[in-house]
Amino acid sequence: MRRLGFAAATVGALVLLAGCVAAVIGSSPHSGTAADTRARSSAGTDAGLAAAVQSRIAADAALGAEALEVSVQGGAVTLRGLVASSAERNSAERLVRTVAGVTAVNNLLKVK
């Protein structure tokens, strides 16, 4: 009877450890699914966000004439290019912050 209890405990421990290993290394059928989907959708979201930011800048009377480069990674927008004044530089940053989905603004605009 004692041997049977020990064998059952050993088998139970092995099954539990196997499940932990599968969860850690990702061999379970659902591991990584959310991360993979998020990684793929992030690129699409970033491209859409970049388009929305560029559209908003183009619609602005003062900034629309400037050639500004917009890049987005993970919702963080980076602005590059030349503007006529520090007021335009600040205005561009404020404008970008109003776009839905923007999590941060890295303003690298330079005044001419």
N, C-alpha and C. Protein backbone atom coordinates (compact mmCIF):
# COMPACT_ATOMS: atom_id res chain seq x y z
N MET A 1 0.83 -1.20 0.00
CA MET A 1 0.00 0.00 0.00
C MET A 1 0.87 1.25 0.00
N ARG A 2 1.95 1.21 0.75
CA ARG A 2 2.83 2.36 0.84
C ARG A 2 3.51 2.63 -0.50
N ARG A 3 3.89 1.56 -1.20
CA ARG A 3 4.50 1.70 -2.51
C ARG A 3 3.55 2.33 -3.51
N LEU A 4 2.30 1.96 -3.46
CA LEU A 4 1.29 2.50 -4.38
C LEU A 4 1.11 3.99 -4.15
N GLY A 5 1.11 4.44 -2.92
CA GLY A 5 0.98 5.86 -2.59
C GLY A 5 2.17 6.66 -3.09
N PHE A 6 3.37 6.07 -2.93
CA PHE A 6 4.58 6.73 -3.41
C PHE A 6 4.58 6.83 -4.93
N ALA A 7 4.16 5.77 -5.60
CA ALA A 7 4.10 5.76 -7.07
C ALA A 7 3.09 6.79 -7.57
N ALA A 8 1.95 6.87 -6.93
CA ALA A 8 0.93 7.83 -7.33
C ALA A 8 1.42 9.26 -7.12
N ALA A 9 2.11 9.51 -6.03
CA ALA A 9 2.64 10.85 -5.75
C ALA A 9 3.72 11.21 -6.77
N THR A 10 4.55 10.24 -7.14
CA THR A 10 5.60 10.49 -8.12
C THR A 10 5.00 10.81 -9.49
N VAL A 11 4.02 10.03 -9.90
CA VAL A 11 3.36 10.27 -11.19
C VAL A 11 2.67 11.63 -11.17
N GLY A 12 2.02 11.98 -10.10
CA GLY A 12 1.35 13.27 -9.98
C GLY A 12 2.33 14.43 -10.07
N ALA A 13 3.48 14.28 -9.42
CA ALA A 13 4.50 15.33 -9.47
C ALA A 13 5.05 15.48 -10.87
N LEU A 14 5.27 14.36 -11.58
CA LEU A 14 5.78 14.42 -12.95
C LEU A 14 4.79 15.10 -13.89
N VAL A 15 3.52 14.79 -13.73
CA VAL A 15 2.49 15.42 -14.57
C VAL A 15 2.45 16.92 -14.30
N LEU A 16 2.52 17.31 -13.04
CA LEU A 16 2.51 18.73 -12.69
C LEU A 16 3.72 19.45 -13.26
N LEU A 17 4.91 18.84 -13.14
CA LEU A 17 6.12 19.45 -13.68
C LEU A 17 6.09 19.53 -15.19
N ALA A 18 5.54 18.52 -15.83
CA ALA A 18 5.45 18.54 -17.30
C ALA A 18 4.58 19.70 -17.75
N GLY A 19 3.50 19.97 -17.04
CA GLY A 19 2.64 21.11 -17.38
C GLY A 19 3.37 22.43 -17.19
N CYS A 20 4.17 22.55 -16.14
CA CYS A 20 4.93 23.77 -15.90
C CYS A 20 5.97 24.00 -16.99
N VAL A 21 6.65 22.92 -17.36
CA VAL A 21 7.66 23.02 -18.41
C VAL A 21 7.00 23.46 -19.72
N ALA A 22 5.86 22.88 -20.04
CA ALA A 22 5.15 23.24 -21.28
C ALA A 22 4.76 24.71 -21.26
N ALA A 23 4.33 25.19 -20.12
CA ALA A 23 3.94 26.60 -20.03
C ALA A 23 5.14 27.52 -20.17
N VAL A 24 6.28 27.12 -19.61
CA VAL A 24 7.46 27.97 -19.65
C VAL A 24 8.09 27.99 -21.03
N ILE A 25 8.23 26.84 -21.67
CA ILE A 25 8.92 26.81 -22.96
C ILE A 25 7.98 26.96 -24.14
N GLY A 26 6.69 26.93 -23.90
CA GLY A 26 5.74 27.23 -24.96
C GLY A 26 5.35 26.06 -25.83
N SER A 27 5.35 24.84 -25.32
CA SER A 27 4.94 23.72 -26.14
C SER A 27 3.46 23.39 -25.98
N SER A 28 2.75 24.12 -25.16
CA SER A 28 1.32 23.88 -25.05
C SER A 28 0.64 24.48 -26.27
N PRO A 29 -0.53 23.98 -26.64
CA PRO A 29 -1.16 24.41 -27.89
C PRO A 29 -1.50 25.90 -27.95
N HIS A 30 -1.73 26.53 -26.80
CA HIS A 30 -2.14 27.94 -26.82
C HIS A 30 -1.05 28.90 -26.41
N SER A 31 0.14 28.40 -26.13
CA SER A 31 1.19 29.32 -25.69
C SER A 31 1.66 30.19 -26.84
N GLY A 32 1.87 31.44 -26.57
CA GLY A 32 2.39 32.36 -27.57
C GLY A 32 1.35 32.92 -28.51
N THR A 33 0.12 32.43 -28.46
CA THR A 33 -0.89 32.89 -29.39
C THR A 33 -1.15 34.39 -29.25
N ALA A 34 -1.35 34.84 -28.03
CA ALA A 34 -1.63 36.27 -27.82
C ALA A 34 -0.44 37.12 -28.23
N ALA A 35 0.76 36.70 -27.88
CA ALA A 35 1.95 37.48 -28.22
C ALA A 35 2.13 37.53 -29.74
N ASP A 36 1.92 36.41 -30.41
CA ASP A 36 2.08 36.39 -31.86
C ASP A 36 1.05 37.31 -32.52
N THR A 37 -0.18 37.26 -32.08
CA THR A 37 -1.22 38.11 -32.64
C THR A 37 -0.92 39.57 -32.38
N ARG A 38 -0.48 39.87 -31.16
CA ARG A 38 -0.17 41.24 -30.80
C ARG A 38 0.98 41.77 -31.65
N ALA A 39 2.00 40.95 -31.88
CA ALA A 39 3.15 41.38 -32.67
C ALA A 39 2.74 41.70 -34.10
N ARG A 40 1.89 40.86 -34.67
CA ARG A 40 1.44 41.09 -36.04
C ARG A 40 0.53 42.30 -36.13
N SER A 41 -0.38 42.45 -35.17
CA SER A 41 -1.31 43.56 -35.25
C SER A 41 -0.65 44.89 -34.90
N SER A 42 0.44 44.86 -34.16
CA SER A 42 1.14 46.09 -33.80
C SER A 42 1.66 46.81 -35.03
N ALA A 43 2.19 46.05 -35.98
CA ALA A 43 2.72 46.67 -37.20
C ALA A 43 1.59 47.34 -37.97
N GLY A 44 0.44 46.70 -38.07
CA GLY A 44 -0.71 47.29 -38.75
C GLY A 44 -1.23 48.50 -38.02
N THR A 45 -1.27 48.42 -36.70
CA THR A 45 -1.73 49.54 -35.89
C THR A 45 -0.78 50.72 -36.02
N ASP A 46 0.52 50.45 -35.99
CA ASP A 46 1.51 51.51 -36.12
C ASP A 46 1.41 52.20 -37.48
N ALA A 47 1.20 51.43 -38.54
CA ALA A 47 1.07 52.02 -39.88
C ALA A 47 -0.18 52.89 -39.95
N GLY A 48 -1.27 52.42 -39.38
CA GLY A 48 -2.50 53.21 -39.35
C GLY A 48 -2.36 54.46 -38.52
N LEU A 49 -1.64 54.34 -37.41
CA LEU A 49 -1.41 55.49 -36.55
C LEU A 49 -0.53 56.52 -37.25
N ALA A 50 0.49 56.05 -37.97
CA ALA A 50 1.36 56.97 -38.72
C ALA A 50 0.55 57.71 -39.78
N ALA A 51 -0.34 57.00 -40.45
CA ALA A 51 -1.18 57.64 -41.47
C ALA A 51 -2.11 58.68 -40.84
N ALA A 52 -2.66 58.36 -39.67
CA ALA A 52 -3.55 59.31 -38.99
C ALA A 52 -2.79 60.56 -38.56
N VAL A 53 -1.57 60.37 -38.06
CA VAL A 53 -0.75 61.51 -37.63
C VAL A 53 -0.38 62.37 -38.84
N GLN A 54 0.05 61.74 -39.93
CA GLN A 54 0.42 62.50 -41.13
C GLN A 54 -0.78 63.26 -41.69
N SER A 55 -1.93 62.65 -41.65
CA SER A 55 -3.15 63.30 -42.12
C SER A 55 -3.48 64.52 -41.27
N ARG A 56 -3.35 64.37 -39.95
CA ARG A 56 -3.63 65.47 -39.03
C ARG A 56 -2.65 66.62 -39.26
N ILE A 57 -1.38 66.30 -39.48
CA ILE A 57 -0.37 67.33 -39.73
C ILE A 57 -0.65 68.03 -41.06
N ALA A 58 -1.00 67.25 -42.09
CA ALA A 58 -1.27 67.83 -43.41
C ALA A 58 -2.48 68.77 -43.37
N ALA A 59 -3.44 68.49 -42.51
CA ALA A 59 -4.64 69.31 -42.42
C ALA A 59 -4.40 70.61 -41.64
N ASP A 60 -3.31 70.69 -40.89
CA ASP A 60 -3.00 71.88 -40.13
C ASP A 60 -2.44 72.96 -41.06
N ALA A 61 -2.97 74.18 -40.94
CA ALA A 61 -2.58 75.26 -41.85
C ALA A 61 -1.08 75.60 -41.75
N ALA A 62 -0.55 75.65 -40.55
CA ALA A 62 0.85 76.03 -40.38
C ALA A 62 1.81 74.88 -40.67
N LEU A 63 1.44 73.68 -40.27
CA LEU A 63 2.34 72.53 -40.40
C LEU A 63 2.21 71.79 -41.72
N GLY A 64 1.09 71.96 -42.39
CA GLY A 64 0.83 71.22 -43.63
C GLY A 64 1.85 71.50 -44.72
N ALA A 65 2.44 72.68 -44.69
CA ALA A 65 3.41 73.05 -45.72
C ALA A 65 4.80 72.47 -45.43
N GLU A 66 5.03 72.04 -44.20
CA GLU A 66 6.34 71.51 -43.81
C GLU A 66 6.44 70.03 -44.21
N ALA A 67 7.61 69.61 -44.60
CA ALA A 67 7.86 68.20 -44.91
C ALA A 67 8.37 67.51 -43.64
N LEU A 68 7.46 66.90 -42.92
CA LEU A 68 7.82 66.24 -41.67
C LEU A 68 7.78 64.73 -41.85
N GLU A 69 8.76 64.07 -41.27
CA GLU A 69 8.81 62.60 -41.30
C GLU A 69 8.18 62.09 -40.01
N VAL A 70 7.26 61.15 -40.16
CA VAL A 70 6.57 60.56 -39.01
C VAL A 70 6.87 59.06 -38.99
N SER A 71 7.35 58.57 -37.87
CA SER A 71 7.51 57.13 -37.70
C SER A 71 6.87 56.73 -36.38
N VAL A 72 6.34 55.49 -36.35
CA VAL A 72 5.64 55.02 -35.17
C VAL A 72 6.13 53.62 -34.82
N GLN A 73 6.37 53.40 -33.55
CA GLN A 73 6.72 52.08 -33.07
C GLN A 73 6.04 51.86 -31.73
N GLY A 74 5.13 50.91 -31.71
CA GLY A 74 4.41 50.60 -30.47
C GLY A 74 3.59 51.75 -29.94
N GLY A 75 3.08 52.59 -30.82
CA GLY A 75 2.27 53.73 -30.41
C GLY A 75 3.08 54.99 -30.11
N ALA A 76 4.39 54.86 -30.05
CA ALA A 76 5.26 56.02 -29.80
C ALA A 76 5.61 56.67 -31.14
N VAL A 77 5.27 57.93 -31.28
CA VAL A 77 5.46 58.66 -32.53
C VAL A 77 6.76 59.46 -32.46
N THR A 78 7.57 59.36 -33.52
CA THR A 78 8.78 60.16 -33.64
C THR A 78 8.62 61.12 -34.80
N LEU A 79 8.85 62.39 -34.53
CA LEU A 79 8.76 63.44 -35.56
C LEU A 79 10.16 63.90 -35.92
N ARG A 80 10.44 63.98 -37.24
CA ARG A 80 11.73 64.49 -37.73
C ARG A 80 11.47 65.47 -38.84
N GLY A 81 12.37 66.42 -38.99
CA GLY A 81 12.26 67.39 -40.07
C GLY A 81 12.56 68.79 -39.58
N LEU A 82 12.31 69.76 -40.47
CA LEU A 82 12.57 71.17 -40.16
C LEU A 82 11.26 71.94 -40.10
N VAL A 83 11.16 72.83 -39.13
CA VAL A 83 10.00 73.72 -39.01
C VAL A 83 10.51 75.15 -38.92
N ALA A 84 9.62 76.10 -39.16
CA ALA A 84 10.02 77.51 -39.23
C ALA A 84 10.29 78.14 -37.87
N SER A 85 9.66 77.62 -36.81
CA SER A 85 9.82 78.27 -35.50
C SER A 85 9.64 77.25 -34.38
N SER A 86 10.04 77.65 -33.19
CA SER A 86 9.84 76.77 -32.04
C SER A 86 8.35 76.64 -31.71
N ALA A 87 7.57 77.66 -32.06
CA ALA A 87 6.12 77.58 -31.86
C ALA A 87 5.53 76.47 -32.73
N GLU A 88 6.00 76.35 -33.98
CA GLU A 88 5.54 75.27 -34.85
C GLU A 88 5.99 73.92 -34.32
N ARG A 89 7.18 73.87 -33.78
CA ARG A 89 7.70 72.62 -33.20
C ARG A 89 6.80 72.16 -32.06
N ASN A 90 6.47 73.08 -31.17
CA ASN A 90 5.60 72.77 -30.04
C ASN A 90 4.18 72.44 -30.50
N SER A 91 3.72 73.16 -31.50
CA SER A 91 2.38 72.93 -32.04
C SER A 91 2.26 71.53 -32.64
N ALA A 92 3.30 71.11 -33.34
CA ALA A 92 3.30 69.77 -33.95
C ALA A 92 3.20 68.70 -32.86
N GLU A 93 3.94 68.86 -31.81
CA GLU A 93 3.90 67.88 -30.72
C GLU A 93 2.53 67.84 -30.07
N ARG A 94 1.95 69.02 -29.79
CA ARG A 94 0.61 69.07 -29.19
C ARG A 94 -0.42 68.42 -30.12
N LEU A 95 -0.30 68.69 -31.41
CA LEU A 95 -1.23 68.13 -32.39
C LEU A 95 -1.15 66.61 -32.41
N VAL A 96 0.06 66.07 -32.41
CA VAL A 96 0.25 64.61 -32.45
C VAL A 96 -0.32 63.96 -31.20
N ARG A 97 -0.18 64.60 -30.06
CA ARG A 97 -0.70 64.04 -28.81
C ARG A 97 -2.22 63.91 -28.81
N THR A 98 -2.90 64.66 -29.68
CA THR A 98 -4.37 64.58 -29.73
C THR A 98 -4.86 63.39 -30.56
N VAL A 99 -3.98 62.73 -31.30
CA VAL A 99 -4.39 61.60 -32.13
C VAL A 99 -4.58 60.37 -31.25
N ALA A 100 -5.72 59.73 -31.39
CA ALA A 100 -6.03 58.54 -30.60
C ALA A 100 -5.03 57.44 -30.90
N GLY A 101 -4.52 56.79 -29.84
CA GLY A 101 -3.58 55.70 -29.99
C GLY A 101 -2.14 56.09 -29.77
N VAL A 102 -1.86 57.38 -29.75
CA VAL A 102 -0.49 57.84 -29.51
C VAL A 102 -0.18 57.69 -28.03
N THR A 103 0.90 56.96 -27.73
CA THR A 103 1.28 56.74 -26.33
C THR A 103 2.41 57.65 -25.89
N ALA A 104 3.22 58.11 -26.85
CA ALA A 104 4.35 59.00 -26.53
C ALA A 104 4.75 59.74 -27.79
N VAL A 105 5.39 60.89 -27.61
CA VAL A 105 5.88 61.67 -28.75
C VAL A 105 7.36 61.98 -28.53
N ASN A 106 8.16 61.60 -29.51
CA ASN A 106 9.59 61.90 -29.49
C ASN A 106 9.79 63.00 -30.53
N ASN A 107 9.86 64.23 -30.08
CA ASN A 107 9.91 65.37 -30.97
C ASN A 107 11.37 65.70 -31.33
N LEU A 108 11.78 65.29 -32.53
CA LEU A 108 13.13 65.56 -33.00
C LEU A 108 13.14 66.64 -34.08
N LEU A 109 12.06 67.43 -34.13
CA LEU A 109 11.98 68.51 -35.12
C LEU A 109 13.02 69.58 -34.81
N LYS A 110 13.59 70.13 -35.87
CA LYS A 110 14.58 71.20 -35.72
C LYS A 110 14.05 72.48 -36.33
N VAL A 111 14.38 73.60 -35.69
CA VAL A 111 13.96 74.91 -36.18
C VAL A 111 14.97 75.36 -37.22
N LYS A 112 14.46 75.85 -38.37
CA LYS A 112 15.33 76.31 -39.47
C LYS A 112 16.16 77.49 -39.04
